[in-house]
Amino acid sequence: MTSDPELDPYLPPEYQPNVIVVMAKSRSPGIWRAAGGAISAEELGIPPELAGRLGHWSRDLAALITDMAAPQRTERLRQLAAEGLAFARQVQATIGPEFVVLYFDEAKLEAEAAFTEYLYPAGTA
């Protein structure tokens, strides 16, 4: 699945339809189109077992993000962020090179309180 730049000349490359983001959100599968909107694991050909684990991770991380009083929150946030990157890499390996999988790193975003380099290709982190 690729996009023709001549058809979408003003669409930044990170928003092409073949760009997928692994990102935690409550009640979500954890897989999103970079241009917006959730995408089903089934649509991408992700096995149900991996999709289930990814969904659990997404809900766990989303809940932790909002619970500022959670015990050992910072350490748990780092652990879940590392798991998320591992999931992003598994998704990339599963769906193949015609897609670009980005990982939204909530732990890095929160730790650095900056909007720089918290979204990066899963294969380069």
PDB file of N, CA and C in Angstrom:
ATOM      1  N   MET A   1       0.853  -1.172   0.000  1.00  0.00           N
ATOM      2  CA  MET A   1       0.000   0.000   0.000  1.00  0.00           C
ATOM      3  C   MET A   1       0.897   1.233   0.000  1.00  0.00           C
ATOM      4  N   THR A   2       0.952   1.896  -1.104  1.00  0.00           N
ATOM      5  CA  THR A   2       1.744   3.112  -1.200  1.00  0.00           C
ATOM      6  C   THR A   2       0.870   4.229  -1.744  1.00  0.00           C
ATOM      7  N   SER A   3       1.326   5.427  -1.546  1.00  0.00           N
ATOM      8  CA  SER A   3       0.582   6.575  -2.037  1.00  0.00           C
ATOM      9  C   SER A   3       1.385   7.236  -3.144  1.00  0.00           C
ATOM     10  N   ASP A   4       0.693   7.722  -4.139  1.00  0.00           N
ATOM     11  CA  ASP A   4       1.323   8.402  -5.253  1.00  0.00           C
ATOM     12  C   ASP A   4       1.469   9.887  -4.908  1.00  0.00           C
ATOM     13  N   PRO A   5       2.713  10.390  -4.767  1.00  0.00           N
ATOM     14  CA  PRO A   5       2.908  11.794  -4.419  1.00  0.00           C
ATOM     15  C   PRO A   5       2.270  12.754  -5.409  1.00  0.00           C
ATOM     16  N   GLU A   6       2.107  12.328  -6.655  1.00  0.00           N
ATOM     17  CA  GLU A   6       1.470  13.212  -7.637  1.00  0.00           C
ATOM     18  C   GLU A   6      -0.023  13.372  -7.361  1.00  0.00           C
ATOM     19  N   LEU A   7      -0.643  12.355  -6.734  1.00  0.00           N
ATOM     20  CA  LEU A   7      -2.058  12.441  -6.395  1.00  0.00           C
ATOM     21  C   LEU A   7      -2.281  13.260  -5.124  1.00  0.00           C
ATOM     22  N   ASP A   8      -1.337  13.206  -4.209  1.00  0.00           N
ATOM     23  CA  ASP A   8      -1.419  13.934  -2.942  1.00  0.00           C
ATOM     24  C   ASP A   8      -0.173  14.799  -2.765  1.00  0.00           C
ATOM     25  N   PRO A   9       0.028  15.813  -3.612  1.00  0.00           N
ATOM     26  CA  PRO A   9       1.287  16.570  -3.560  1.00  0.00           C
ATOM     27  C   PRO A   9       1.480  17.374  -2.278  1.00  0.00           C
ATOM     28  N   TYR A  10       0.413  17.644  -1.550  1.00  0.00           N
ATOM     29  CA  TYR A  10       0.541  18.465  -0.340  1.00  0.00           C
ATOM     30  C   TYR A  10       0.504  17.649   0.945  1.00  0.00           C
ATOM     31  N   LEU A  11       0.390  16.360   0.818  1.00  0.00           N
ATOM     32  CA  LEU A  11       0.328  15.494   1.980  1.00  0.00           C
ATOM     33  C   LEU A  11       1.746  15.162   2.443  1.00  0.00           C
ATOM     34  N   PRO A  12       2.108  15.546   3.688  1.00  0.00           N
ATOM     35  CA  PRO A  12       3.462  15.216   4.166  1.00  0.00           C
ATOM     36  C   PRO A  12       3.675  13.704   4.156  1.00  0.00           C
ATOM     37  N   PRO A  13       4.907  13.245   3.954  1.00  0.00           N
ATOM     38  CA  PRO A  13       5.155  11.808   3.855  1.00  0.00           C
ATOM     39  C   PRO A  13       4.721  11.035   5.097  1.00  0.00           C
ATOM     40  N   GLU A  14       4.786  11.665   6.273  1.00  0.00           N
ATOM     41  CA  GLU A  14       4.396  10.944   7.487  1.00  0.00           C
ATOM     42  C   GLU A  14       2.884  10.718   7.572  1.00  0.00           C
ATOM     43  N   TYR A  15       2.116  11.330   6.677  1.00  0.00           N
ATOM     44  CA  TYR A  15       0.662  11.139   6.667  1.00  0.00           C
ATOM     45  C   TYR A  15       0.167  10.325   5.486  1.00  0.00           C
ATOM     46  N   GLN A  16       1.054   9.708   4.769  1.00  0.00           N
ATOM     47  CA  GLN A  16       0.654   8.847   3.666  1.00  0.00           C
ATOM     48  C   GLN A  16      -0.122   7.652   4.232  1.00  0.00           C
ATOM     49  N   PRO A  17      -0.978   7.029   3.441  1.00  0.00           N
ATOM     50  CA  PRO A  17      -1.815   5.934   3.951  1.00  0.00           C
ATOM     51  C   PRO A  17      -1.043   4.693   4.370  1.00  0.00           C
ATOM     52  N   ASN A  18       0.201   4.580   3.979  1.00  0.00           N
ATOM     53  CA  ASN A  18       0.984   3.411   4.376  1.00  0.00           C
ATOM     54  C   ASN A  18       1.774   3.653   5.662  1.00  0.00           C
ATOM     55  N   VAL A  19       1.522   4.748   6.357  1.00  0.00           N
ATOM     56  CA  VAL A  19       2.221   5.042   7.612  1.00  0.00           C
ATOM     57  C   VAL A  19       1.282   4.716   8.766  1.00  0.00           C
ATOM     58  N   ILE A  20       1.743   3.814   9.631  1.00  0.00           N
ATOM     59  CA  ILE A  20       0.970   3.317  10.762  1.00  0.00           C
ATOM     60  C   ILE A  20       1.692   3.731  12.041  1.00  0.00           C
ATOM     61  N   VAL A  21       0.920   4.064  13.073  1.00  0.00           N
ATOM     62  CA  VAL A  21       1.497   4.462  14.366  1.00  0.00           C
ATOM     63  C   VAL A  21       1.024   3.492  15.436  1.00  0.00           C
ATOM     64  N   VAL A  22       1.976   2.979  16.221  1.00  0.00           N
ATOM     65  CA  VAL A  22       1.642   2.207  17.413  1.00  0.00           C
ATOM     66  C   VAL A  22       1.628   3.205  18.560  1.00  0.00           C
ATOM     67  N   MET A  23       0.442   3.347  19.179  1.00  0.00           N
ATOM     68  CA  MET A  23       0.247   4.384  20.188  1.00  0.00           C
ATOM     69  C   MET A  23      -0.858   3.937  21.141  1.00  0.00           C
ATOM     70  N   ALA A  24      -0.635   4.154  22.437  1.00  0.00           N
ATOM     71  CA  ALA A  24      -1.616   3.758  23.445  1.00  0.00           C
ATOM     72  C   ALA A  24      -2.755   4.757  23.541  1.00  0.00           C
ATOM     73  N   LYS A  25      -3.954   4.252  23.573  1.00  0.00           N
ATOM     74  CA  LYS A  25      -5.162   5.027  23.831  1.00  0.00           C
ATOM     75  C   LYS A  25      -6.129   4.094  24.548  1.00  0.00           C
ATOM     76  N   SER A  26      -6.901   4.645  25.481  1.00  0.00           N
ATOM     77  CA  SER A  26      -7.865   3.796  26.173  1.00  0.00           C
ATOM     78  C   SER A  26      -8.883   3.245  25.183  1.00  0.00           C
ATOM     79  N   ARG A  27      -9.278   2.026  25.401  1.00  0.00           N
ATOM     80  CA  ARG A  27     -10.260   1.332  24.564  1.00  0.00           C
ATOM     81  C   ARG A  27      -9.867   1.308  23.090  1.00  0.00           C
ATOM     82  N   SER A  28      -8.606   1.164  22.819  1.00  0.00           N
ATOM     83  CA  SER A  28      -8.182   1.102  21.418  1.00  0.00           C
ATOM     84  C   SER A  28      -7.268  -0.094  21.204  1.00  0.00           C
ATOM     85  N   PRO A  29      -7.135  -0.493  19.942  1.00  0.00           N
ATOM     86  CA  PRO A  29      -6.232  -1.601  19.641  1.00  0.00           C
ATOM     87  C   PRO A  29      -4.754  -1.190  19.662  1.00  0.00           C
ATOM     88  N   GLY A  30      -4.480   0.109  19.766  1.00  0.00           N
ATOM     89  CA  GLY A  30      -3.095   0.570  19.798  1.00  0.00           C
ATOM     90  C   GLY A  30      -2.471   0.791  18.435  1.00  0.00           C
ATOM     91  N   ILE A  31      -3.253   0.661  17.379  1.00  0.00           N
ATOM     92  CA  ILE A  31      -2.747   0.826  16.016  1.00  0.00           C
ATOM     93  C   ILE A  31      -3.564   1.920  15.338  1.00  0.00           C
ATOM     94  N   TRP A  32      -2.861   2.887  14.771  1.00  0.00           N
ATOM     95  CA  TRP A  32      -3.521   4.046  14.178  1.00  0.00           C
ATOM     96  C   TRP A  32      -2.924   4.368  12.823  1.00  0.00           C
ATOM     97  N   ARG A  33      -3.706   4.991  11.982  1.00  0.00           N
ATOM     98  CA  ARG A  33      -3.171   5.580  10.756  1.00  0.00           C
ATOM     99  C   ARG A  33      -2.540   6.914  11.164  1.00  0.00           C
ATOM    100  N   ALA A  34      -1.387   7.224  10.640  1.00  0.00           N
ATOM    101  CA  ALA A  34      -0.740   8.492  10.978  1.00  0.00           C
ATOM    102  C   ALA A  34      -1.612   9.672  10.567  1.00  0.00           C
ATOM    103  N   ALA A  35      -2.367   9.513   9.511  1.00  0.00           N
ATOM    104  CA  ALA A  35      -3.242  10.583   9.045  1.00  0.00           C
ATOM    105  C   ALA A  35      -4.483  10.719   9.912  1.00  0.00           C
ATOM    106  N   GLY A  36      -4.674   9.796  10.858  1.00  0.00           N
ATOM    107  CA  GLY A  36      -5.809   9.873  11.770  1.00  0.00           C
ATOM    108  C   GLY A  36      -6.705   8.659  11.694  1.00  0.00           C
ATOM    109  N   GLY A  37      -7.172   8.218  12.838  1.00  0.00           N
ATOM    110  CA  GLY A  37      -8.122   7.118  12.919  1.00  0.00           C
ATOM    111  C   GLY A  37      -7.476   5.778  13.192  1.00  0.00           C
ATOM    112  N   ALA A  38      -8.176   4.998  14.006  1.00  0.00           N
ATOM    113  CA  ALA A  38      -7.704   3.647  14.314  1.00  0.00           C
ATOM    114  C   ALA A  38      -7.826   2.777  13.069  1.00  0.00           C
ATOM    115  N   ILE A  39      -7.010   1.753  13.031  1.00  0.00           N
ATOM    116  CA  ILE A  39      -7.062   0.765  11.949  1.00  0.00           C
ATOM    117  C   ILE A  39      -7.068  -0.605  12.607  1.00  0.00           C
ATOM    118  N   SER A  40      -7.805  -1.516  12.050  1.00  0.00           N
ATOM    119  CA  SER A  40      -7.921  -2.830  12.680  1.00  0.00           C
ATOM    120  C   SER A  40      -6.692  -3.680  12.381  1.00  0.00           C
ATOM    121  N   ALA A  41      -6.361  -4.499  13.360  1.00  0.00           N
ATOM    122  CA  ALA A  41      -5.255  -5.444  13.179  1.00  0.00           C
ATOM    123  C   ALA A  41      -5.572  -6.407  12.047  1.00  0.00           C
ATOM    124  N   GLU A  42      -6.828  -6.787  11.943  1.00  0.00           N
ATOM    125  CA  GLU A  42      -7.253  -7.701  10.891  1.00  0.00           C
ATOM    126  C   GLU A  42      -7.002  -7.102   9.507  1.00  0.00           C
ATOM    127  N   GLU A  43      -7.298  -5.820   9.360  1.00  0.00           N
ATOM    128  CA  GLU A  43      -7.085  -5.140   8.082  1.00  0.00           C
ATOM    129  C   GLU A  43      -5.611  -5.154   7.670  1.00  0.00           C
ATOM    130  N   LEU A  44      -4.725  -5.113   8.672  1.00  0.00           N
ATOM    131  CA  LEU A  44      -3.285  -5.118   8.393  1.00  0.00           C
ATOM    132  C   LEU A  44      -2.695  -6.527   8.322  1.00  0.00           C
ATOM    133  N   GLY A  45      -3.498  -7.530   8.649  1.00  0.00           N
ATOM    134  CA  GLY A  45      -3.001  -8.905   8.636  1.00  0.00           C
ATOM    135  C   GLY A  45      -2.200  -9.273   9.865  1.00  0.00           C
ATOM    136  N   ILE A  46      -2.451  -8.585  10.972  1.00  0.00           N
ATOM    137  CA  ILE A  46      -1.758  -8.875  12.230  1.00  0.00           C
ATOM    138  C   ILE A  46      -2.479 -10.032  12.910  1.00  0.00           C
ATOM    139  N   PRO A  47      -1.747 -11.064  13.320  1.00  0.00           N
ATOM    140  CA  PRO A  47      -2.374 -12.230  13.950  1.00  0.00           C
ATOM    141  C   PRO A  47      -3.153 -11.845  15.215  1.00  0.00           C
ATOM    142  N   PRO A  48      -4.255 -12.542  15.485  1.00  0.00           N
ATOM    143  CA  PRO A  48      -5.087 -12.224  16.652  1.00  0.00           C
ATOM    144  C   PRO A  48      -4.324 -12.231  17.981  1.00  0.00           C
ATOM    145  N   GLU A  49      -3.382 -13.133  18.144  1.00  0.00           N
ATOM    146  CA  GLU A  49      -2.626 -13.208  19.405  1.00  0.00           C
ATOM    147  C   GLU A  49      -1.821 -11.928  19.625  1.00  0.00           C
ATOM    148  N   LEU A  50      -1.132 -11.464  18.598  1.00  0.00           N
ATOM    149  CA  LEU A  50      -0.365 -10.224  18.698  1.00  0.00           C
ATOM    150  C   LEU A  50      -1.306  -9.036  18.878  1.00  0.00           C
ATOM    151  N   ALA A  51      -2.404  -9.026  18.163  1.00  0.00           N
ATOM    152  CA  ALA A  51      -3.380  -7.941  18.287  1.00  0.00           C
ATOM    153  C   ALA A  51      -3.935  -7.869  19.707  1.00  0.00           C
ATOM    154  N   GLY A  52      -4.212  -9.014  20.307  1.00  0.00           N
ATOM    155  CA  GLY A  52      -4.724  -9.043  21.679  1.00  0.00           C
ATOM    156  C   GLY A  52      -3.724  -8.490  22.677  1.00  0.00           C
ATOM    157  N   ARG A  53      -2.472  -8.905  22.548  1.00  0.00           N
ATOM    158  CA  ARG A  53      -1.428  -8.394  23.461  1.00  0.00           C
ATOM    159  C   ARG A  53      -1.229  -6.898  23.263  1.00  0.00           C
ATOM    160  N   LEU A  54      -1.285  -6.445  22.023  1.00  0.00           N
ATOM    161  CA  LEU A  54      -1.134  -5.026  21.724  1.00  0.00           C
ATOM    162  C   LEU A  54      -2.287  -4.217  22.330  1.00  0.00           C
ATOM    163  N   GLY A  55      -3.496  -4.732  22.247  1.00  0.00           N
ATOM    164  CA  GLY A  55      -4.651  -4.058  22.837  1.00  0.00           C
ATOM    165  C   GLY A  55      -4.546  -3.949  24.351  1.00  0.00           C
ATOM    166  N   HIS A  56      -4.094  -5.026  25.002  1.00  0.00           N
ATOM    167  CA  HIS A  56      -3.901  -4.988  26.460  1.00  0.00           C
ATOM    168  C   HIS A  56      -2.844  -3.958  26.835  1.00  0.00           C
ATOM    169  N   TRP A  57      -1.748  -3.950  26.086  1.00  0.00           N
ATOM    170  CA  TRP A  57      -0.686  -2.962  26.344  1.00  0.00           C
ATOM    171  C   TRP A  57      -1.236  -1.547  26.208  1.00  0.00           C
ATOM    172  N   SER A  58      -1.985  -1.301  25.145  1.00  0.00           N
ATOM    173  CA  SER A  58      -2.523   0.032  24.891  1.00  0.00           C
ATOM    174  C   SER A  58      -3.403   0.499  26.051  1.00  0.00           C
ATOM    175  N   ARG A  59      -4.294  -0.367  26.511  1.00  0.00           N
ATOM    176  CA  ARG A  59      -5.177   0.006  27.616  1.00  0.00           C
ATOM    177  C   ARG A  59      -4.407   0.199  28.914  1.00  0.00           C
ATOM    178  N   ASP A  60      -3.429  -0.679  29.191  1.00  0.00           N
ATOM    179  CA  ASP A  60      -2.626  -0.550  30.416  1.00  0.00           C
ATOM    180  C   ASP A  60      -1.843   0.760  30.435  1.00  0.00           C
ATOM    181  N   LEU A  61      -1.208   1.094  29.321  1.00  0.00           N
ATOM    182  CA  LEU A  61      -0.421   2.324  29.265  1.00  0.00           C
ATOM    183  C   LEU A  61      -1.323   3.557  29.331  1.00  0.00           C
ATOM    184  N   ALA A  62      -2.439   3.518  28.638  1.00  0.00           N
ATOM    185  CA  ALA A  62      -3.367   4.650  28.675  1.00  0.00           C
ATOM    186  C   ALA A  62      -3.868   4.892  30.100  1.00  0.00           C
ATOM    187  N   ALA A  63      -4.158   3.824  30.837  1.00  0.00           N
ATOM    188  CA  ALA A  63      -4.615   3.969  32.223  1.00  0.00           C
ATOM    189  C   ALA A  63      -3.505   4.540  33.102  1.00  0.00           C
ATOM    190  N   LEU A  64      -2.283   4.080  32.904  1.00  0.00           N
ATOM    191  CA  LEU A  64      -1.162   4.565  33.711  1.00  0.00           C
ATOM    192  C   LEU A  64      -0.874   6.043  33.445  1.00  0.00           C
ATOM    193  N   ILE A  65      -1.000   6.455  32.213  1.00  0.00           N
ATOM    194  CA  ILE A  65      -0.732   7.849  31.854  1.00  0.00           C
ATOM    195  C   ILE A  65      -1.622   8.800  32.638  1.00  0.00           C
ATOM    196  N   THR A  66      -2.862   8.396  32.872  1.00  0.00           N
ATOM    197  CA  THR A  66      -3.799   9.274  33.578  1.00  0.00           C
ATOM    198  C   THR A  66      -3.737   9.121  35.096  1.00  0.00           C
ATOM    199  N   ASP A  67      -3.057   8.098  35.589  1.00  0.00           N
ATOM    200  CA  ASP A  67      -2.972   7.859  37.037  1.00  0.00           C
ATOM    201  C   ASP A  67      -1.643   8.393  37.569  1.00  0.00           C
ATOM    202  N   MET A  68      -1.629   9.669  37.875  1.00  0.00           N
ATOM    203  CA  MET A  68      -0.395  10.315  38.317  1.00  0.00           C
ATOM    204  C   MET A  68       0.084   9.820  39.688  1.00  0.00           C
ATOM    205  N   ALA A  69      -0.778   9.158  40.452  1.00  0.00           N
ATOM    206  CA  ALA A  69      -0.418   8.686  41.801  1.00  0.00           C
ATOM    207  C   ALA A  69      -0.068   7.201  41.829  1.00  0.00           C
ATOM    208  N   ALA A  70       0.020   6.562  40.689  1.00  0.00           N
ATOM    209  CA  ALA A  70       0.314   5.124  40.653  1.00  0.00           C
ATOM    210  C   ALA A  70       1.671   4.841  41.286  1.00  0.00           C
ATOM    211  N   PRO A  71       1.749   3.771  42.114  1.00  0.00           N
ATOM    212  CA  PRO A  71       3.038   3.403  42.698  1.00  0.00           C
ATOM    213  C   PRO A  71       4.050   3.046  41.603  1.00  0.00           C
ATOM    214  N   GLN A  72       5.259   3.487  41.788  1.00  0.00           N
ATOM    215  CA  GLN A  72       6.351   3.207  40.846  1.00  0.00           C
ATOM    216  C   GLN A  72       5.953   3.569  39.413  1.00  0.00           C
ATOM    217  N   ARG A  73       5.238   4.658  39.270  1.00  0.00           N
ATOM    218  CA  ARG A  73       4.692   5.080  37.985  1.00  0.00           C
ATOM    219  C   ARG A  73       5.767   5.283  36.922  1.00  0.00           C
ATOM    220  N   THR A  74       6.847   5.985  37.277  1.00  0.00           N
ATOM    221  CA  THR A  74       7.889   6.279  36.292  1.00  0.00           C
ATOM    222  C   THR A  74       8.523   5.002  35.763  1.00  0.00           C
ATOM    223  N   GLU A  75       8.830   4.074  36.658  1.00  0.00           N
ATOM    224  CA  GLU A  75       9.449   2.819  36.232  1.00  0.00           C
ATOM    225  C   GLU A  75       8.484   2.004  35.383  1.00  0.00           C
ATOM    226  N   ARG A  76       7.237   1.947  35.802  1.00  0.00           N
ATOM    227  CA  ARG A  76       6.232   1.189  35.039  1.00  0.00           C
ATOM    228  C   ARG A  76       6.002   1.828  33.668  1.00  0.00           C
ATOM    229  N   LEU A  77       6.025   3.153  33.622  1.00  0.00           N
ATOM    230  CA  LEU A  77       5.877   3.860  32.350  1.00  0.00           C
ATOM    231  C   LEU A  77       7.017   3.501  31.403  1.00  0.00           C
ATOM    232  N   ARG A  78       8.236   3.456  31.929  1.00  0.00           N
ATOM    233  CA  ARG A  78       9.387   3.056  31.096  1.00  0.00           C
ATOM    234  C   ARG A  78       9.225   1.626  30.580  1.00  0.00           C
ATOM    235  N   GLN A  79       8.767   0.720  31.472  1.00  0.00           N
ATOM    236  CA  GLN A  79       8.581  -0.680  31.066  1.00  0.00           C
ATOM    237  C   GLN A  79       7.539  -0.799  29.952  1.00  0.00           C
ATOM    238  N   LEU A  80       6.424  -0.126  30.140  1.00  0.00           N
ATOM    239  CA  LEU A  80       5.371  -0.195  29.126  1.00  0.00           C
ATOM    240  C   LEU A  80       5.800   0.463  27.819  1.00  0.00           C
ATOM    241  N   ALA A  81       6.585   1.518  27.906  1.00  0.00           N
ATOM    242  CA  ALA A  81       7.093   2.159  26.695  1.00  0.00           C
ATOM    243  C   ALA A  81       8.032   1.210  25.942  1.00  0.00           C
ATOM    244  N   ALA A  82       8.870   0.489  26.664  1.00  0.00           N
ATOM    245  CA  ALA A  82       9.762  -0.491  26.025  1.00  0.00           C
ATOM    246  C   ALA A  82       8.947  -1.608  25.377  1.00  0.00           C
ATOM    247  N   GLU A  83       7.892  -2.048  26.053  1.00  0.00           N
ATOM    248  CA  GLU A  83       7.018  -3.066  25.464  1.00  0.00           C
ATOM    249  C   GLU A  83       6.365  -2.533  24.192  1.00  0.00           C
ATOM    250  N   GLY A  84       5.961  -1.267  24.220  1.00  0.00           N
ATOM    251  CA  GLY A  84       5.330  -0.662  23.049  1.00  0.00           C
ATOM    252  C   GLY A  84       6.261  -0.628  21.851  1.00  0.00           C
ATOM    253  N   LEU A  85       7.519  -0.283  22.089  1.00  0.00           N
ATOM    254  CA  LEU A  85       8.488  -0.280  20.999  1.00  0.00           C
ATOM    255  C   LEU A  85       8.680  -1.695  20.453  1.00  0.00           C
ATOM    256  N   ALA A  86       8.710  -2.677  21.337  1.00  0.00           N
ATOM    257  CA  ALA A  86       8.828  -4.069  20.886  1.00  0.00           C
ATOM    258  C   ALA A  86       7.608  -4.459  20.046  1.00  0.00           C
ATOM    259  N   PHE A  87       6.425  -4.031  20.469  1.00  0.00           N
ATOM    260  CA  PHE A  87       5.215  -4.291  19.678  1.00  0.00           C
ATOM    261  C   PHE A  87       5.301  -3.611  18.322  1.00  0.00           C
ATOM    262  N   ALA A  88       5.760  -2.373  18.298  1.00  0.00           N
ATOM    263  CA  ALA A  88       5.881  -1.650  17.023  1.00  0.00           C
ATOM    264  C   ALA A  88       6.819  -2.403  16.077  1.00  0.00           C
ATOM    265  N   ARG A  89       7.886  -2.919  16.602  1.00  0.00           N
ATOM    266  CA  ARG A  89       8.817  -3.688  15.775  1.00  0.00           C
ATOM    267  C   ARG A  89       8.182  -4.981  15.277  1.00  0.00           C
ATOM    268  N   GLN A  90       7.385  -5.634  16.137  1.00  0.00           N
ATOM    269  CA  GLN A  90       6.685  -6.848  15.715  1.00  0.00           C
ATOM    270  C   GLN A  90       5.661  -6.531  14.625  1.00  0.00           C
ATOM    271  N   VAL A  91       4.958  -5.423  14.797  1.00  0.00           N
ATOM    272  CA  VAL A  91       3.987  -5.007  13.783  1.00  0.00           C
ATOM    273  C   VAL A  91       4.705  -4.744  12.461  1.00  0.00           C
ATOM    274  N   GLN A  92       5.834  -4.025  12.516  1.00  0.00           N
ATOM    275  CA  GLN A  92       6.594  -3.740  11.291  1.00  0.00           C
ATOM    276  C   GLN A  92       7.019  -5.028  10.609  1.00  0.00           C
ATOM    277  N   ALA A  93       7.531  -5.987  11.380  1.00  0.00           N
ATOM    278  CA  ALA A  93       7.969  -7.263  10.807  1.00  0.00           C
ATOM    279  C   ALA A  93       6.794  -8.031  10.208  1.00  0.00           C
ATOM    280  N   THR A  94       5.636  -7.901  10.812  1.00  0.00           N
ATOM    281  CA  THR A  94       4.458  -8.634  10.358  1.00  0.00           C
ATOM    282  C   THR A  94       3.861  -8.037   9.093  1.00  0.00           C
ATOM    283  N   ILE A  95       3.747  -6.726   9.028  1.00  0.00           N
ATOM    284  CA  ILE A  95       3.049  -6.119   7.883  1.00  0.00           C
ATOM    285  C   ILE A  95       3.973  -5.799   6.713  1.00  0.00           C
ATOM    286  N   GLY A  96       5.263  -5.854   6.949  1.00  0.00           N
ATOM    287  CA  GLY A  96       6.204  -5.752   5.842  1.00  0.00           C
ATOM    288  C   GLY A  96       6.656  -4.350   5.479  1.00  0.00           C
ATOM    289  N   PRO A  97       7.601  -4.286   4.545  1.00  0.00           N
ATOM    290  CA  PRO A  97       8.264  -3.032   4.205  1.00  0.00           C
ATOM    291  C   PRO A  97       7.413  -2.048   3.397  1.00  0.00           C
ATOM    292  N   GLU A  98       6.258  -2.471   2.895  1.00  0.00           N
ATOM    293  CA  GLU A  98       5.437  -1.501   2.165  1.00  0.00           C
ATOM    294  C   GLU A  98       4.758  -0.520   3.115  1.00  0.00           C
ATOM    295  N   PHE A  99       4.844  -0.794   4.408  1.00  0.00           N
ATOM    296  CA  PHE A  99       4.345   0.108   5.440  1.00  0.00           C
ATOM    297  C   PHE A  99       5.506   0.677   6.236  1.00  0.00           C
ATOM    298  N   VAL A 100       5.307   1.849   6.785  1.00  0.00           N
ATOM    299  CA  VAL A 100       6.243   2.438   7.738  1.00  0.00           C
ATOM    300  C   VAL A 100       5.511   2.455   9.073  1.00  0.00           C
ATOM    301  N   VAL A 101       6.114   1.851  10.084  1.00  0.00           N
ATOM    302  CA  VAL A 101       5.499   1.821  11.410  1.00  0.00           C
ATOM    303  C   VAL A 101       6.260   2.790  12.302  1.00  0.00           C
ATOM    304  N   LEU A 102       5.535   3.751  12.845  1.00  0.00           N
ATOM    305  CA  LEU A 102       6.096   4.701  13.798  1.00  0.00           C
ATOM    306  C   LEU A 102       5.650   4.316  15.195  1.00  0.00           C
ATOM    307  N   TYR A 103       6.457   4.666  16.180  1.00  0.00           N
ATOM    308  CA  TYR A 103       6.091   4.397  17.575  1.00  0.00           C
ATOM    309  C   TYR A 103       5.976   5.712  18.318  1.00  0.00           C
ATOM    310  N   PHE A 104       4.854   5.924  18.989  1.00  0.00           N
ATOM    311  CA  PHE A 104       4.618   7.115  19.800  1.00  0.00           C
ATOM    312  C   PHE A 104       5.069   6.794  21.210  1.00  0.00           C
ATOM    313  N   ASP A 105       6.176   7.382  21.639  1.00  0.00           N
ATOM    314  CA  ASP A 105       6.806   7.055  22.923  1.00  0.00           C
ATOM    315  C   ASP A 105       6.291   7.972  24.031  1.00  0.00           C
ATOM    316  N   GLU A 106       5.282   7.504  24.753  1.00  0.00           N
ATOM    317  CA  GLU A 106       4.674   8.280  25.838  1.00  0.00           C
ATOM    318  C   GLU A 106       5.661   8.556  26.967  1.00  0.00           C
ATOM    319  N   ALA A 107       6.506   7.587  27.300  1.00  0.00           N
ATOM    320  CA  ALA A 107       7.460   7.769  28.396  1.00  0.00           C
ATOM    321  C   ALA A 107       8.455   8.866  28.067  1.00  0.00           C
ATOM    322  N   LYS A 108       8.964   8.861  26.857  1.00  0.00           N
ATOM    323  CA  LYS A 108       9.920   9.887  26.449  1.00  0.00           C
ATOM    324  C   LYS A 108       9.247  11.257  26.400  1.00  0.00           C
ATOM    325  N   LEU A 109       8.042  11.288  25.902  1.00  0.00           N
ATOM    326  CA  LEU A 109       7.301  12.549  25.841  1.00  0.00           C
ATOM    327  C   LEU A 109       7.108  13.118  27.245  1.00  0.00           C
ATOM    328  N   GLU A 110       6.700  12.283  28.180  1.00  0.00           N
ATOM    329  CA  GLU A 110       6.469  12.754  29.544  1.00  0.00           C
ATOM    330  C   GLU A 110       7.776  13.110  30.252  1.00  0.00           C
ATOM    331  N   ALA A 111       8.804  12.298  30.092  1.00  0.00           N
ATOM    332  CA  ALA A 111      10.076  12.538  30.789  1.00  0.00           C
ATOM    333  C   ALA A 111      10.741  13.824  30.324  1.00  0.00           C
ATOM    334  N   GLU A 112      10.670  14.082  29.046  1.00  0.00           N
ATOM    335  CA  GLU A 112      11.351  15.254  28.515  1.00  0.00           C
ATOM    336  C   GLU A 112      10.438  16.456  28.372  1.00  0.00           C
ATOM    337  N   ALA A 113       9.141  16.221  28.561  1.00  0.00           N
ATOM    338  CA  ALA A 113       8.143  17.293  28.466  1.00  0.00           C
ATOM    339  C   ALA A 113       8.361  18.150  27.219  1.00  0.00           C
ATOM    340  N   ALA A 114       8.678  17.483  26.140  1.00  0.00           N
ATOM    341  CA  ALA A 114       8.930  18.191  24.888  1.00  0.00           C
ATOM    342  C   ALA A 114       8.299  17.409  23.748  1.00  0.00           C
ATOM    343  N   PHE A 115       7.961  18.098  22.707  1.00  0.00           N
ATOM    344  CA  PHE A 115       7.353  17.453  21.556  1.00  0.00           C
ATOM    345  C   PHE A 115       8.387  17.201  20.461  1.00  0.00           C
ATOM    346  N   THR A 116       9.555  16.741  20.848  1.00  0.00           N
ATOM    347  CA  THR A 116      10.573  16.419  19.863  1.00  0.00           C
ATOM    348  C   THR A 116      10.994  14.971  20.021  1.00  0.00           C
ATOM    349  N   GLU A 117      11.078  14.290  18.945  1.00  0.00           N
ATOM    350  CA  GLU A 117      11.573  12.926  18.872  1.00  0.00           C
ATOM    351  C   GLU A 117      10.856  11.935  19.780  1.00  0.00           C
ATOM    352  N   TYR A 118       9.561  12.102  19.942  1.00  0.00           N
ATOM    353  CA  TYR A 118       8.786  11.104  20.667  1.00  0.00           C
ATOM    354  C   TYR A 118       8.039  10.198  19.697  1.00  0.00           C
ATOM    355  N   LEU A 119       8.092  10.518  18.418  1.00  0.00           N
ATOM    356  CA  LEU A 119       7.480   9.728  17.368  1.00  0.00           C
ATOM    357  C   LEU A 119       8.570   9.393  16.377  1.00  0.00           C
ATOM    358  N   TYR A 120       8.882   8.093  16.259  1.00  0.00           N
ATOM    359  CA  TYR A 120       9.985   7.728  15.391  1.00  0.00           C
ATOM    360  C   TYR A 120       9.746   6.356  14.794  1.00  0.00           C
ATOM    361  N   PRO A 121      10.414   6.063  13.658  1.00  0.00           N
ATOM    362  CA  PRO A 121      10.249   4.743  13.040  1.00  0.00           C
ATOM    363  C   PRO A 121      10.661   3.643  13.995  1.00  0.00           C
ATOM    364  N   ALA A 122       9.847   2.602  14.055  1.00  0.00           N
ATOM    365  CA  ALA A 122      10.089   1.517  14.983  1.00  0.00           C
ATOM    366  C   ALA A 122      11.442   0.852  14.760  1.00  0.00           C
ATOM    367  N   GLY A 123      11.917   0.821  13.542  1.00  0.00           N
ATOM    368  CA  GLY A 123      13.180   0.157  13.243  1.00  0.00           C
ATOM    369  C   GLY A 123      14.422   0.952  13.580  1.00  0.00           C
ATOM    370  N   THR A 124      14.263   2.218  13.982  1.00  0.00           N
ATOM    371  CA  THR A 124      15.459   3.052  14.220  1.00  0.00           C
ATOM    372  C   THR A 124      15.606   3.504  15.653  1.00  0.00           C
ATOM    373  N   ALA A 125      14.676   3.140  16.514  1.00  0.00           N
ATOM    374  CA  ALA A 125      14.728   3.624  17.922  1.00  0.00           C
ATOM    375  C   ALA A 125      15.783   2.891  18.709  1.00  0.00           C
TER     376      ALA A 125
END
